[in-house]
C-alpha atoms as a PDB file:
ATOM      1  CA  ASP A   1     -50.881  49.255   3.601  1.00  0.00           C
ATOM      2  CA  ASP A   2     -52.982  51.730   1.361  1.00  0.00           C
ATOM      3  CA  ILE A   3     -50.057  53.331  -0.328  1.00  0.00           C
ATOM      4  CA  VAL A   4     -49.712  53.111  -4.081  1.00  0.00           C
ATOM      5  CA  ILE A   5     -47.570  54.842  -6.096  1.00  0.00           C
ATOM      6  CA  GLY A   6     -47.801  54.837  -9.909  1.00  0.00           C
ATOM      7  CA  THR A   7     -49.468  56.111 -13.078  1.00  0.00           C
ATOM      8  CA  ALA A   8     -52.945  55.526 -14.585  1.00  0.00           C
ATOM      9  CA  PRO A   9     -54.365  56.785 -18.317  1.00  0.00           C
ATOM     10  CA  PRO A  10     -56.594  59.764 -18.222  1.00  0.00           C
ATOM     11  CA  GLY A  11     -60.326  58.972 -17.058  1.00  0.00           C
ATOM     12  CA  ILE A  12     -59.089  55.980 -14.858  1.00  0.00           C
ATOM     13  CA  PRO A  13     -58.974  56.271 -11.154  1.00  0.00           C
ATOM     14  CA  PHE A  14     -56.754  53.350 -10.204  1.00  0.00           C
ATOM     15  CA  ILE A  15     -52.920  52.751 -10.558  1.00  0.00           C
ATOM     16  CA  ILE A  16     -52.269  50.613 -13.486  1.00  0.00           C
ATOM     17  CA  ILE A  17     -48.511  50.467 -13.331  1.00  0.00           C
ATOM     18  CA  GLY A  18     -47.038  50.893  -9.982  1.00  0.00           C
ATOM     19  CA  ASN A  19     -46.073  49.505  -6.554  1.00  0.00           C
ATOM     20  CA  ASN A  20     -47.310  49.218  -3.193  1.00  0.00           C
ATOM     21  CA  LYS A  21     -45.494  48.403  -0.155  1.00  0.00           C
ATOM     22  CA  TYR A  22     -45.456  44.587  -1.265  1.00  0.00           C
ATOM     23  CA  HIS A  23     -45.152  44.431  -4.622  1.00  0.00           C
ATOM     24  CA  ALA A  24     -44.450  46.606  -7.851  1.00  0.00           C
ATOM     25  CA  TYR A  25     -46.044  45.844 -11.714  1.00  0.00           C
ATOM     26  CA  CYS A  26     -46.087  46.555 -15.122  1.00  0.00           C
ATOM     27  CA  PHE A  27     -47.651  45.830 -17.989  1.00  0.00           C
ATOM     28  CA  THR A  28     -46.535  45.228 -22.100  1.00  0.00           C
ATOM     29  CA  THR A  29     -48.509  44.455 -25.050  1.00  0.00           C
ATOM     30  CA  ASP A  30     -48.162  40.854 -26.592  1.00  0.00           C
ATOM     31  CA  ASN A  31     -48.759  39.089 -29.962  1.00  0.00           C
ATOM     32  CA  ARG A  32     -52.389  37.939 -29.403  1.00  0.00           C
ATOM     33  CA  ASP A  33     -54.476  37.359 -32.058  1.00  0.00           C
ATOM     34  CA  ILE A  34     -57.694  39.475 -30.828  1.00  0.00           C
ATOM     35  CA  ALA A  35     -59.798  40.071 -34.133  1.00  0.00           C
ATOM     36  CA  ASP A  36     -61.022  38.520 -37.630  1.00  0.00           C
ATOM     37  CA  PHE A  37     -61.857  39.988 -40.889  1.00  0.00           C
ATOM     38  CA  VAL A  38     -64.926  38.692 -41.491  1.00  0.00           C
ATOM     39  CA  GLN A  39     -66.553  37.733 -44.882  1.00  0.00           C
ATOM     40  CA  GLU A  40     -70.215  38.592 -45.104  1.00  0.00           C
ATOM     41  CA  LYS A  41     -73.278  38.102 -47.752  1.00  0.00           C
ATOM     42  CA  LEU A  42     -75.186  40.802 -48.153  1.00  0.00           C
ATOM     43  CA  ASP A  43     -78.645  41.134 -50.181  1.00  0.00           C
ATOM     44  CA  ASN A  44     -77.100  43.847 -51.963  1.00  0.00           C
ATOM     45  CA  ASP A  45     -73.652  44.707 -53.719  1.00  0.00           C
ATOM     46  CA  ASN A  46     -73.699  47.876 -52.808  1.00  0.00           C
ATOM     47  CA  ILE A  47     -73.265  48.415 -49.287  1.00  0.00           C
ATOM     48  CA  THR A  48     -75.253  51.755 -48.852  1.00  0.00           C
ATOM     49  CA  LEU A  49     -78.406  49.863 -50.401  1.00  0.00           C
ATOM     50  CA  ALA A  50     -78.032  46.549 -48.314  1.00  0.00           C
ATOM     51  CA  LYS A  51     -80.217  45.783 -45.618  1.00  0.00           C
ATOM     52  CA  HIS A  52     -79.881  42.692 -44.601  1.00  0.00           C
ATOM     53  CA  TYR A  53     -76.955  39.833 -44.430  1.00  0.00           C
ATOM     54  CA  TYR A  54     -77.064  36.236 -44.679  1.00  0.00           C
ATOM     55  CA  VAL A  55     -75.879  33.224 -42.232  1.00  0.00           C
ATOM     56  CA  ASP A  56     -76.391  30.050 -43.991  1.00  0.00           C
ATOM     57  CA  ASN A  57     -79.785  30.352 -45.534  1.00  0.00           C
ATOM     58  CA  ASP A  58     -81.173  32.895 -42.743  1.00  0.00           C
ATOM     59  CA  LYS A  59     -81.914  36.418 -43.623  1.00  0.00           C
ATOM     60  CA  LEU A  60     -81.104  38.808 -40.914  1.00  0.00           C
ATOM     61  CA  PRO A  61     -81.577  42.422 -40.871  1.00  0.00           C
ATOM     62  CA  LEU A  62     -78.413  44.686 -40.635  1.00  0.00           C
ATOM     63  CA  GLU A  63     -78.085  46.480 -37.699  1.00  0.00           C
ATOM     64  CA  ILE A  64     -77.820  50.895 -38.594  1.00  0.00           C
ATOM     65  CA  ARG A  65     -76.795  53.537 -36.459  1.00  0.00           C
ATOM     66  CA  TYR A  66     -75.589  57.100 -37.032  1.00  0.00           C
ATOM     67  CA  GLU A  67     -72.131  58.505 -35.656  1.00  0.00           C
ATOM     68  CA  LYS A  68     -71.112  62.161 -35.351  1.00  0.00           C
ATOM     69  CA  ILE A  69     -67.196  63.206 -35.710  1.00  0.00           C
ATOM     70  CA  TYR A  70     -66.639  66.526 -34.692  1.00  0.00           C
ATOM     71  CA  ILE A  71     -63.805  68.306 -36.510  1.00  0.00           C
ATOM     72  CA  LYS A  72     -61.895  71.186 -34.965  1.00  0.00           C
ATOM     73  CA  GLY A  73     -62.583  74.545 -37.086  1.00  0.00           C
ATOM     74  CA  LYS A  74     -65.822  72.839 -38.782  1.00  0.00           C
ATOM     75  CA  LEU A  75     -69.325  74.312 -38.028  1.00  0.00           C
ATOM     76  CA  ASN A  76     -70.887  71.032 -38.775  1.00  0.00           C
ATOM     77  CA  PRO A  77     -69.754  67.408 -37.743  1.00  0.00           C
ATOM     78  CA  PHE A  78     -68.992  64.684 -40.395  1.00  0.00           C
ATOM     79  CA  GLU A  79     -71.985  62.264 -40.301  1.00  0.00           C
ATOM     80  CA  PHE A  80     -71.822  58.677 -41.661  1.00  0.00           C
ATOM     81  CA  GLU A  81     -73.922  55.716 -41.229  1.00  0.00           C
ATOM     82  CA  VAL A  82     -72.493  52.297 -39.557  1.00  0.00           C
ATOM     83  CA  LYS A  83     -73.801  48.860 -40.680  1.00  0.00           C
ATOM     84  CA  SER A  84     -73.094  45.794 -38.432  1.00  0.00           C
ATOM     85  CA  THR A  85     -73.880  42.378 -38.563  1.00  0.00           C
ATOM     86  CA  ARG A  86     -73.688  39.922 -35.827  1.00  0.00           C
ATOM     87  CA  ASN A  87     -69.961  40.044 -36.090  1.00  0.00           C
ATOM     88  CA  GLY A  88     -69.182  43.662 -35.868  1.00  0.00           C
ATOM     89  CA  PRO A  89     -69.464  46.655 -38.195  1.00  0.00           C
ATOM     90  CA  ILE A  90     -69.217  46.306 -41.980  1.00  0.00           C
ATOM     91  CA  ILE A  91     -65.551  48.198 -43.367  1.00  0.00           C
ATOM     92  CA  GLU A  92     -66.500  50.610 -45.836  1.00  0.00           C
ATOM     93  CA  GLU A  93     -64.380  51.348 -48.757  1.00  0.00           C
ATOM     94  CA  PHE A  94     -64.075  54.848 -48.440  1.00  0.00           C
ATOM     95  CA  ILE A  95     -61.678  53.754 -45.343  1.00  0.00           C
ATOM     96  CA  LYS A  96     -58.977  52.784 -47.751  1.00  0.00           C
ATOM     97  CA  GLU A  97     -58.782  56.596 -48.608  1.00  0.00           C
ATOM     98  CA  PHE A  98     -57.242  56.962 -45.257  1.00  0.00           C
ATOM     99  CA  SER A  99     -55.200  53.681 -45.068  1.00  0.00           C
ATOM    100  CA  ASN A 100     -52.720  54.476 -48.073  1.00  0.00           C
ATOM    101  CA  THR A 101     -51.865  50.639 -48.340  1.00  0.00           C
ATOM    102  CA  ASN A 102     -52.654  48.991 -45.400  1.00  0.00           C
ATOM    103  CA  LEU A 103     -56.273  47.989 -46.449  1.00  0.00           C
ATOM    104  CA  ASP A 104     -55.187  47.512 -50.302  1.00  0.00           C
ATOM    105  CA  TYR A 105     -55.086  43.511 -50.164  1.00  0.00           C
ATOM    106  CA  ILE A 106     -58.830  43.664 -48.770  1.00  0.00           C
ATOM    107  CA  PHE A 107     -60.129  45.674 -51.303  1.00  0.00           C
ATOM    108  CA  LYS A 108     -58.380  44.701 -54.642  1.00  0.00           C
ATOM    109  CA  SER A 109     -61.407  43.519 -56.762  1.00  0.00           C
ATOM    110  CA  ASP A 110     -59.118  40.739 -57.971  1.00  0.00           C
ATOM    111  CA  ASN A 111     -59.017  39.419 -54.983  1.00  0.00           C
ATOM    112  CA  PRO A 112     -60.962  36.174 -55.280  1.00  0.00           C
ATOM    113  CA  GLN A 113     -61.329  35.565 -51.492  1.00  0.00           C
ATOM    114  CA  ILE A 114     -63.307  38.596 -50.900  1.00  0.00           C
ATOM    115  CA  THR A 115     -67.304  38.947 -50.760  1.00  0.00           C
ATOM    116  CA  ASN A 116     -69.263  42.050 -51.150  1.00  0.00           C
ATOM    117  CA  ALA A 117     -68.795  43.110 -47.467  1.00  0.00           C
ATOM    118  CA  LEU A 118     -66.332  42.507 -44.604  1.00  0.00           C
ATOM    119  CA  THR A 119     -66.779  43.417 -40.992  1.00  0.00           C
ATOM    120  CA  LEU A 120     -64.435  43.865 -38.500  1.00  0.00           C
ATOM    121  CA  ASN A 121     -64.847  41.296 -35.451  1.00  0.00           C
ATOM    122  CA  ILE A 122     -63.242  42.130 -32.033  1.00  0.00           C
ATOM    123  CA  PRO A 123     -64.955  40.522 -29.236  1.00  0.00           C
ATOM    124  CA  LEU A 124     -63.068  42.232 -26.658  1.00  0.00           C
ATOM    125  CA  PHE A 125     -64.733  45.632 -27.905  1.00  0.00           C
ATOM    126  CA  LYS A 126     -68.040  44.333 -27.041  1.00  0.00           C
ATOM    127  CA  LYS A 127     -67.273  43.609 -23.203  1.00  0.00           C
ATOM    128  CA  PRO A 128     -66.528  46.528 -20.760  1.00  0.00           C
ATOM    129  CA  LEU A 129     -63.164  47.333 -19.506  1.00  0.00           C
ATOM    130  CA  ASN A 130     -63.662  45.948 -15.858  1.00  0.00           C
ATOM    131  CA  LEU A 131     -62.214  48.426 -13.349  1.00  0.00           C
ATOM    132  CA  HIS A 132     -62.475  46.193 -10.455  1.00  0.00           C
ATOM    133  CA  TYR A 133     -59.263  44.129 -11.795  1.00  0.00           C
ATOM    134  CA  PHE A 134     -57.269  47.243 -11.537  1.00  0.00           C
ATOM    135  CA  HIS A 135     -58.418  48.393  -7.913  1.00  0.00           C
ATOM    136  CA  SER A 136     -57.749  44.615  -6.673  1.00  0.00           C
ATOM    137  CA  ILE A 137     -54.027  44.399  -8.174  1.00  0.00           C
ATOM    138  CA  MET A 138     -53.554  47.667  -6.407  1.00  0.00           C
ATOM    139  CA  PHE A 139     -53.809  46.019  -3.283  1.00  0.00           C
ATOM    140  CA  ALA A 140     -52.604  42.747  -3.791  1.00  0.00           C
ATOM    141  CA  LYS A 141     -50.039  41.474  -1.686  1.00  0.00           C
ATOM    142  CA  THR A 142     -49.073  37.700  -3.199  1.00  0.00           C
ATOM    143  CA  SER A 143     -49.259  36.140  -6.370  1.00  0.00           C
ATOM    144  CA  ASN A 144     -52.147  34.266  -5.794  1.00  0.00           C
ATOM    145  CA  GLU A 145     -54.078  37.843  -5.428  1.00  0.00           C
ATOM    146  CA  PHE A 146     -52.908  38.922  -8.735  1.00  0.00           C
ATOM    147  CA  LEU A 147     -54.034  35.508 -10.341  1.00  0.00           C
ATOM    148  CA  THR A 148     -57.214  35.901  -8.316  1.00  0.00           C
ATOM    149  CA  ALA A 149     -57.679  39.012  -9.644  1.00  0.00           C
ATOM    150  CA  LEU A 150     -58.181  38.053 -12.972  1.00  0.00           C
ATOM    151  CA  ASP A 151     -61.279  35.793 -12.409  1.00  0.00           C
ATOM    152  CA  LYS A 152     -63.042  39.129 -11.835  1.00  0.00           C
ATOM    153  CA  GLY A 153     -63.950  39.288 -15.768  1.00  0.00           C
ATOM    154  CA  TYR A 154     -61.430  41.382 -16.969  1.00  0.00           C
ATOM    155  CA  TYR A 155     -61.662  40.954 -20.732  1.00  0.00           C
ATOM    156  CA  GLY A 156     -59.217  43.683 -22.450  1.00  0.00           C
ATOM    157  CA  PRO A 157     -57.264  45.345 -23.539  1.00  0.00           C
ATOM    158  CA  SER A 158     -54.870  42.388 -24.099  1.00  0.00           C
ATOM    159  CA  PHE A 159     -51.769  42.816 -21.870  1.00  0.00           C
ATOM    160  CA  ALA A 160     -48.808  41.036 -20.586  1.00  0.00           C
ATOM    161  CA  LEU A 161     -48.375  41.577 -16.332  1.00  0.00           C
ATOM    162  CA  THR A 162     -45.108  41.206 -14.985  1.00  0.00           C
ATOM    163  CA  TRP A 163     -44.555  41.553 -11.066  1.00  0.00           C
ATOM    164  CA  ALA A 164     -42.149  41.120  -8.098  1.00  0.00           C
ATOM    165  CA  ASN A 165     -43.025  41.002  -4.585  1.00  0.00           C
ATOM    166  CA  ILE A 166     -41.156  41.326  -1.555  1.00  0.00           C
ATOM    167  CA  ASN A 167     -41.753  37.483  -0.820  1.00  0.00           C
ATOM    168  CA  GLY A 168     -38.966  36.772  -3.641  1.00  0.00           C
ATOM    169  CA  GLU A 169     -41.672  36.367  -6.527  1.00  0.00           C
ATOM    170  CA  ILE A 170     -41.372  37.378  -9.765  1.00  0.00           C
ATOM    171  CA  GLY A 171     -44.400  36.690 -12.301  1.00  0.00           C
ATOM    172  CA  TYR A 172     -45.515  36.932 -15.828  1.00  0.00           C
ATOM    173  CA  THR A 173     -49.071  36.184 -17.265  1.00  0.00           C
ATOM    174  CA  PRO A 174     -50.897  37.752 -20.306  1.00  0.00           C
ATOM    175  CA  ILE A 175     -54.290  39.127 -19.141  1.00  0.00           C
ATOM    176  CA  GLY A 176     -57.455  39.628 -21.133  1.00  0.00           C
ATOM    177  CA  HIS A 177     -59.410  36.514 -22.999  1.00  0.00           C
ATOM    178  CA  PHE A 178     -57.880  34.679 -25.625  1.00  0.00           C
ATOM    179  CA  LEU A 179     -59.962  33.834 -28.741  1.00  0.00           C
ATOM    180  CA  LEU A 180     -60.435  30.112 -29.254  1.00  0.00           C
ATOM    181  CA  LYS A 181     -59.998  29.877 -32.944  1.00  0.00           C
ATOM    182  CA  ASP A 182     -60.002  26.509 -34.966  1.00  0.00           C
ATOM    183  CA  ASN A 183     -57.138  28.073 -37.741  1.00  0.00           C
ATOM    184  CA  PRO A 184     -55.393  31.222 -36.184  1.00  0.00           C
ATOM    185  CA  GLN A 185     -53.794  31.361 -39.891  1.00  0.00           C
ATOM    186  CA  GLN A 186     -56.944  32.179 -41.423  1.00  0.00           C
ATOM    187  CA  VAL A 187     -56.898  35.763 -42.448  1.00  0.00           C
ATOM    188  CA  PHE A 188     -60.658  36.218 -43.881  1.00  0.00           C
ATOM    189  CA  ALA A 189     -63.480  34.049 -41.791  1.00  0.00           C
ATOM    190  CA  GLN A 190     -66.614  33.021 -43.312  1.00  0.00           C
ATOM    191  CA  GLY A 191     -69.211  35.020 -41.543  1.00  0.00           C
ATOM    192  CA  TYR A 192     -72.172  33.838 -43.738  1.00  0.00           C
ATOM    193  CA  SER A 193     -71.666  30.194 -42.106  1.00  0.00           C
ATOM    194  CA  SER A 194     -73.016  28.999 -38.750  1.00  0.00           C
ATOM    195  CA  SER A 195     -69.454  27.287 -38.869  1.00  0.00           C
ATOM    196  CA  TYR A 196     -68.403  30.240 -37.784  1.00  0.00           C
ATOM    197  CA  PRO A 197     -69.235  31.109 -34.233  1.00  0.00           C
ATOM    198  CA  SER A 198     -70.939  34.104 -32.706  1.00  0.00           C
ATOM    199  CA  PRO A 199     -70.138  35.331 -30.143  1.00  0.00           C
ATOM    200  CA  MET A 200     -66.529  34.013 -30.084  1.00  0.00           C
ATOM    201  CA  PRO A 201     -65.860  31.121 -27.527  1.00  0.00           C
ATOM    202  CA  PHE A 202     -62.400  32.071 -25.125  1.00  0.00           C
ATOM    203  CA  ILE A 203     -59.720  30.052 -23.405  1.00  0.00           C
ATOM    204  CA  PRO A 204     -60.785  29.308 -19.928  1.00  0.00           C
ATOM    205  CA  ARG A 205     -58.533  31.647 -17.738  1.00  0.00           C
ATOM    206  CA  ASN A 206     -57.081  28.555 -15.910  1.00  0.00           C
ATOM    207  CA  GLU A 207     -56.078  27.230 -19.110  1.00  0.00           C
ATOM    208  CA  THR A 208     -54.047  30.298 -19.985  1.00  0.00           C
ATOM    209  CA  PRO A 209     -50.111  30.677 -19.409  1.00  0.00           C
ATOM    210  CA  VAL A 210     -48.630  31.761 -15.940  1.00  0.00           C
ATOM    211  CA  LEU A 211     -44.920  32.054 -15.001  1.00  0.00           C
ATOM    212  CA  ILE A 212     -43.990  32.379 -11.730  1.00  0.00           C
ATOM    213  CA  ASN A 213     -39.954  32.042 -10.634  1.00  0.00           C
ATOM    214  CA  PRO A 214     -38.143  30.930 -13.515  1.00  0.00           C
ATOM    215  CA  LYS A 215     -35.092  28.857 -13.367  1.00  0.00           C
ATOM    216  CA  LYS A 216     -33.334  31.657 -15.144  1.00  0.00           C
ATOM    217  CA  GLY A 217     -34.033  33.866 -12.623  1.00  0.00           C
ATOM    218  CA  TYR A 218     -35.496  36.567 -14.519  1.00  0.00           C
ATOM    219  CA  ILE A 219     -38.247  37.500 -17.050  1.00  0.00           C
ATOM    220  CA  ALA A 220     -37.701  40.144 -20.135  1.00  0.00           C
ATOM    221  CA  THR A 221     -40.645  41.321 -22.305  1.00  0.00           C
ATOM    222  CA  ALA A 222     -40.230  43.742 -24.995  1.00  0.00           C
ATOM    223  CA  ASN A 223     -43.623  44.336 -26.584  1.00  0.00           C
ATOM    224  CA  GLY A 224     -43.862  41.228 -27.813  1.00  0.00           C
ATOM    225  CA  SER A 225     -43.403  37.317 -27.108  1.00  0.00           C
ATOM    226  CA  PRO A 226     -41.357  36.695 -23.869  1.00  0.00           C
END
């Protein structure tokens, strides 16, 4: 009963795509919105000099840490300062140099939407990857055991899970947490207002979609919506 065949990414000691005697399972990506660009108000328009940020009328200290990136062939690492608000790290303008046109719309000076700083809020990055989930599905036998494993607190990465088992069941469900947003179409959230919650709320697991044995008799995915 404990024979499992499949594959796993480096560093994870459990099979995340594979099969045992009772079922086969696989993952694909989905189109879930898992992040926000958050407008912040700092105490200085120069991010380098800023030490505080505002939420409503409250002045809060920036979290400051220092990172090093070691580069092959270079004696000294690239060192840089990271400043963060309650929402995440501030996106420094130098990142634009590496992004070509991807971030141009963010840093255009004539864009009236942008305050003097943006943070990138990805709540799922603040939670640890729960390896108990992957261990549980390795030995699951039924659809119910697949879904029960999700209750162990799996936050991300965000995937869509498909499976088939010897009981004749086929199933599909997204795994990972769904952010609960008032306006999913909003590009820039206003982090300087308490109306933008921190931490972001999630949709309860029992309210996320599950598909088992659809009438069509098959489930097809292609790195997107089912």
